[in-house]
N, C-alpha and C. Protein backbone atom coordinates (compact mmCIF):
# COMPACT_ATOMS: atom_id res chain seq x y z
N UNK A 1 -18.09 -27.71 8.47
CA UNK A 1 -18.34 -26.46 7.82
C UNK A 1 -17.63 -25.37 8.62
N UNK A 2 -16.85 -24.59 7.95
CA UNK A 2 -16.07 -23.54 8.62
C UNK A 2 -16.97 -22.38 9.02
N UNK A 3 -16.65 -21.79 10.16
CA UNK A 3 -17.39 -20.59 10.60
C UNK A 3 -16.70 -19.38 9.99
N UNK A 4 -16.87 -19.23 8.69
CA UNK A 4 -16.18 -18.18 7.96
C UNK A 4 -17.13 -17.57 6.95
N UNK A 5 -17.04 -16.25 6.78
CA UNK A 5 -17.87 -15.53 5.82
C UNK A 5 -17.46 -15.92 4.41
N UNK A 6 -18.43 -16.22 3.56
CA UNK A 6 -18.17 -16.66 2.19
C UNK A 6 -17.55 -15.54 1.36
N UNK A 7 -17.91 -14.29 1.61
CA UNK A 7 -17.45 -13.17 0.79
C UNK A 7 -16.24 -12.47 1.39
N UNK A 8 -16.32 -12.09 2.65
CA UNK A 8 -15.24 -11.29 3.24
C UNK A 8 -14.14 -12.13 3.87
N UNK A 9 -14.43 -13.39 4.18
CA UNK A 9 -13.43 -14.25 4.80
C UNK A 9 -13.30 -14.06 6.30
N UNK A 10 -14.20 -13.28 6.91
CA UNK A 10 -14.15 -13.09 8.36
C UNK A 10 -14.34 -14.42 9.07
N UNK A 11 -13.51 -14.65 10.08
CA UNK A 11 -13.59 -15.89 10.84
C UNK A 11 -13.52 -15.62 12.33
N UNK A 12 -13.45 -16.68 13.13
CA UNK A 12 -13.38 -16.51 14.58
C UNK A 12 -12.08 -15.86 15.02
N UNK A 13 -12.15 -15.14 16.14
CA UNK A 13 -10.97 -14.52 16.74
C UNK A 13 -10.81 -15.07 18.15
N UNK A 14 -9.58 -15.04 18.66
CA UNK A 14 -9.32 -15.42 20.04
C UNK A 14 -9.11 -14.13 20.83
N UNK A 15 -9.94 -13.94 21.86
CA UNK A 15 -9.89 -12.72 22.67
C UNK A 15 -9.80 -13.11 24.14
N UNK A 16 -9.61 -12.12 24.99
CA UNK A 16 -9.50 -12.36 26.43
C UNK A 16 -10.77 -11.92 27.15
N UNK A 17 -11.24 -12.77 28.08
CA UNK A 17 -12.19 -12.34 29.09
C UNK A 17 -11.37 -11.70 30.20
N UNK A 18 -11.74 -10.52 30.63
CA UNK A 18 -10.98 -9.85 31.68
C UNK A 18 -11.91 -9.65 32.87
N UNK A 19 -11.54 -10.25 34.01
CA UNK A 19 -12.35 -10.13 35.21
C UNK A 19 -12.04 -8.83 35.94
N UNK A 20 -12.79 -8.57 37.00
CA UNK A 20 -12.57 -7.37 37.80
C UNK A 20 -11.18 -7.39 38.43
N UNK A 21 -10.68 -8.59 38.74
CA UNK A 21 -9.34 -8.73 39.32
C UNK A 21 -8.26 -8.76 38.24
N UNK A 22 -8.64 -8.48 37.00
CA UNK A 22 -7.74 -8.42 35.85
C UNK A 22 -7.15 -9.79 35.49
N UNK A 23 -7.88 -10.87 35.86
CA UNK A 23 -7.49 -12.20 35.40
C UNK A 23 -7.95 -12.34 33.95
N UNK A 24 -7.11 -12.92 33.13
CA UNK A 24 -7.44 -13.04 31.72
C UNK A 24 -7.54 -14.51 31.32
N UNK A 25 -8.64 -14.85 30.67
CA UNK A 25 -8.83 -16.19 30.13
C UNK A 25 -9.21 -16.05 28.67
N UNK A 26 -8.69 -16.95 27.86
CA UNK A 26 -8.94 -16.87 26.43
C UNK A 26 -10.31 -17.45 26.10
N UNK A 27 -10.95 -16.85 25.10
CA UNK A 27 -12.21 -17.37 24.57
C UNK A 27 -12.30 -16.99 23.10
N UNK A 28 -13.24 -17.58 22.40
CA UNK A 28 -13.41 -17.31 20.97
C UNK A 28 -14.57 -16.37 20.73
N UNK A 29 -14.37 -15.43 19.83
CA UNK A 29 -15.45 -14.55 19.37
C UNK A 29 -15.80 -14.98 17.96
N UNK A 30 -17.04 -15.40 17.75
CA UNK A 30 -17.47 -15.89 16.45
C UNK A 30 -18.11 -14.77 15.65
N UNK A 31 -17.95 -14.77 14.32
CA UNK A 31 -18.61 -13.75 13.50
C UNK A 31 -20.11 -13.99 13.47
N UNK A 32 -20.86 -12.92 13.22
CA UNK A 32 -22.32 -12.99 13.14
C UNK A 32 -22.70 -13.45 11.74
N UNK A 33 -22.72 -14.77 11.53
CA UNK A 33 -23.00 -15.32 10.21
C UNK A 33 -24.49 -15.55 10.03
N UNK A 34 -24.98 -15.18 8.86
CA UNK A 34 -26.37 -15.37 8.48
C UNK A 34 -26.39 -16.12 7.16
N UNK A 35 -27.41 -16.94 6.95
CA UNK A 35 -27.54 -17.67 5.69
C UNK A 35 -28.39 -16.84 4.75
N UNK A 36 -27.84 -16.55 3.56
CA UNK A 36 -28.59 -15.80 2.55
C UNK A 36 -28.58 -16.60 1.25
N UNK A 37 -29.48 -16.22 0.34
CA UNK A 37 -29.50 -16.83 -0.98
C UNK A 37 -28.87 -15.86 -1.97
N UNK A 38 -27.90 -16.36 -2.73
CA UNK A 38 -27.21 -15.54 -3.73
C UNK A 38 -27.40 -16.21 -5.08
N UNK A 39 -27.73 -15.41 -6.09
CA UNK A 39 -27.94 -15.95 -7.44
C UNK A 39 -26.61 -16.24 -8.09
N UNK A 40 -26.45 -17.46 -8.60
CA UNK A 40 -25.24 -17.88 -9.29
C UNK A 40 -25.49 -17.77 -10.79
N UNK A 41 -24.80 -16.82 -11.44
CA UNK A 41 -25.03 -16.59 -12.86
C UNK A 41 -24.51 -17.73 -13.73
N UNK A 42 -23.47 -18.43 -13.29
CA UNK A 42 -22.92 -19.52 -14.08
C UNK A 42 -23.90 -20.68 -14.23
N UNK A 43 -24.51 -21.08 -13.11
CA UNK A 43 -25.43 -22.21 -13.16
C UNK A 43 -26.88 -21.77 -13.31
N UNK A 44 -27.16 -20.48 -13.10
CA UNK A 44 -28.53 -19.99 -13.21
C UNK A 44 -29.40 -20.37 -12.03
N UNK A 45 -28.79 -20.71 -10.89
CA UNK A 45 -29.54 -21.13 -9.72
C UNK A 45 -29.20 -20.24 -8.53
N UNK A 46 -30.04 -20.33 -7.51
CA UNK A 46 -29.75 -19.65 -6.25
C UNK A 46 -28.95 -20.59 -5.37
N UNK A 47 -27.99 -20.06 -4.65
CA UNK A 47 -27.17 -20.84 -3.72
C UNK A 47 -27.28 -20.23 -2.33
N UNK A 48 -27.24 -21.09 -1.32
CA UNK A 48 -27.24 -20.60 0.06
C UNK A 48 -25.80 -20.37 0.49
N UNK A 49 -25.54 -19.22 1.08
CA UNK A 49 -24.19 -18.88 1.53
C UNK A 49 -24.25 -18.33 2.94
N UNK A 50 -23.19 -18.59 3.71
CA UNK A 50 -23.07 -18.02 5.05
C UNK A 50 -22.25 -16.75 4.94
N UNK A 51 -22.87 -15.62 5.27
CA UNK A 51 -22.25 -14.31 5.10
C UNK A 51 -22.40 -13.55 6.41
N UNK A 52 -21.38 -12.77 6.78
CA UNK A 52 -21.44 -11.99 8.01
C UNK A 52 -22.45 -10.85 7.87
N UNK A 53 -23.03 -10.45 8.98
CA UNK A 53 -24.04 -9.39 8.98
C UNK A 53 -23.44 -8.08 8.48
N UNK A 54 -22.20 -7.80 8.81
CA UNK A 54 -21.54 -6.58 8.34
C UNK A 54 -21.42 -6.58 6.82
N UNK A 55 -21.10 -7.73 6.24
CA UNK A 55 -20.99 -7.83 4.78
C UNK A 55 -22.34 -7.64 4.12
N UNK A 56 -23.40 -8.17 4.73
CA UNK A 56 -24.75 -7.99 4.18
C UNK A 56 -25.10 -6.51 4.17
N UNK A 57 -24.79 -5.80 5.25
CA UNK A 57 -25.08 -4.37 5.32
C UNK A 57 -24.30 -3.60 4.25
N UNK A 58 -23.03 -3.96 4.07
CA UNK A 58 -22.20 -3.27 3.08
C UNK A 58 -22.72 -3.52 1.67
N UNK A 59 -23.04 -4.78 1.35
CA UNK A 59 -23.55 -5.09 0.02
C UNK A 59 -24.90 -4.45 -0.22
N UNK A 60 -25.73 -4.38 0.82
CA UNK A 60 -27.04 -3.74 0.69
C UNK A 60 -26.87 -2.25 0.41
N UNK A 61 -25.92 -1.63 1.06
CA UNK A 61 -25.66 -0.20 0.86
C UNK A 61 -25.15 0.05 -0.56
N UNK A 62 -24.30 -0.83 -1.06
CA UNK A 62 -23.75 -0.66 -2.40
C UNK A 62 -24.71 -1.13 -3.49
N UNK A 63 -25.78 -1.78 -3.09
CA UNK A 63 -26.73 -2.31 -4.06
C UNK A 63 -26.16 -3.50 -4.82
N UNK A 64 -25.26 -4.21 -4.21
CA UNK A 64 -24.56 -5.29 -4.91
C UNK A 64 -24.85 -6.65 -4.30
N UNK A 65 -25.94 -6.80 -3.58
CA UNK A 65 -26.20 -8.08 -2.92
C UNK A 65 -26.45 -9.19 -3.93
N UNK A 66 -27.09 -8.87 -5.05
CA UNK A 66 -27.38 -9.89 -6.05
C UNK A 66 -26.13 -10.33 -6.80
N UNK A 67 -25.16 -9.44 -6.95
CA UNK A 67 -23.94 -9.77 -7.69
C UNK A 67 -22.73 -9.81 -6.77
N UNK A 68 -22.86 -10.50 -5.66
CA UNK A 68 -21.80 -10.55 -4.65
C UNK A 68 -20.57 -11.26 -5.19
N UNK A 69 -19.39 -10.70 -4.96
CA UNK A 69 -18.16 -11.35 -5.44
C UNK A 69 -17.82 -12.59 -4.62
N UNK A 70 -16.98 -13.41 -5.16
CA UNK A 70 -16.58 -14.65 -4.49
C UNK A 70 -15.11 -14.58 -4.14
N UNK A 71 -14.75 -13.70 -3.25
CA UNK A 71 -13.35 -13.47 -2.96
C UNK A 71 -12.74 -14.61 -2.16
N UNK A 72 -13.47 -15.15 -1.21
CA UNK A 72 -12.90 -16.16 -0.32
C UNK A 72 -13.62 -17.50 -0.47
N UNK A 73 -14.09 -17.80 -1.66
CA UNK A 73 -14.78 -19.06 -1.89
C UNK A 73 -13.78 -20.21 -1.91
N UNK A 74 -14.25 -21.37 -1.46
CA UNK A 74 -13.41 -22.56 -1.46
C UNK A 74 -14.05 -23.61 -2.34
N UNK A 75 -13.41 -24.75 -2.46
CA UNK A 75 -13.98 -25.84 -3.24
C UNK A 75 -15.23 -26.39 -2.58
N UNK A 76 -15.29 -26.32 -1.25
CA UNK A 76 -16.44 -26.84 -0.51
C UNK A 76 -17.39 -25.70 -0.19
N UNK A 77 -17.77 -24.91 -1.21
CA UNK A 77 -18.59 -23.73 -0.93
C UNK A 77 -20.07 -24.06 -0.80
N UNK A 78 -20.51 -25.24 -1.19
CA UNK A 78 -21.92 -25.61 -1.03
C UNK A 78 -22.10 -26.34 0.28
N UNK A 79 -23.24 -26.12 0.91
CA UNK A 79 -23.52 -26.85 2.15
C UNK A 79 -24.98 -27.16 2.25
């Protein structure tokens, strides 16, 4: 299962740890994914989706959490 937001497509990034001596080592920053239930109008059922916390806040502000778009959905969208 990919560590990717179902709606926004946010995924892991590669960033640097920087020590006091300015030594740099690479590490991964993972998105803050949360599992939510989204109503699927086609099948009439609720589906569990992994969505980033930022996307949840944005959809909540827009009042669109129930009708969330499927911009970055894949064939393996169920888990």
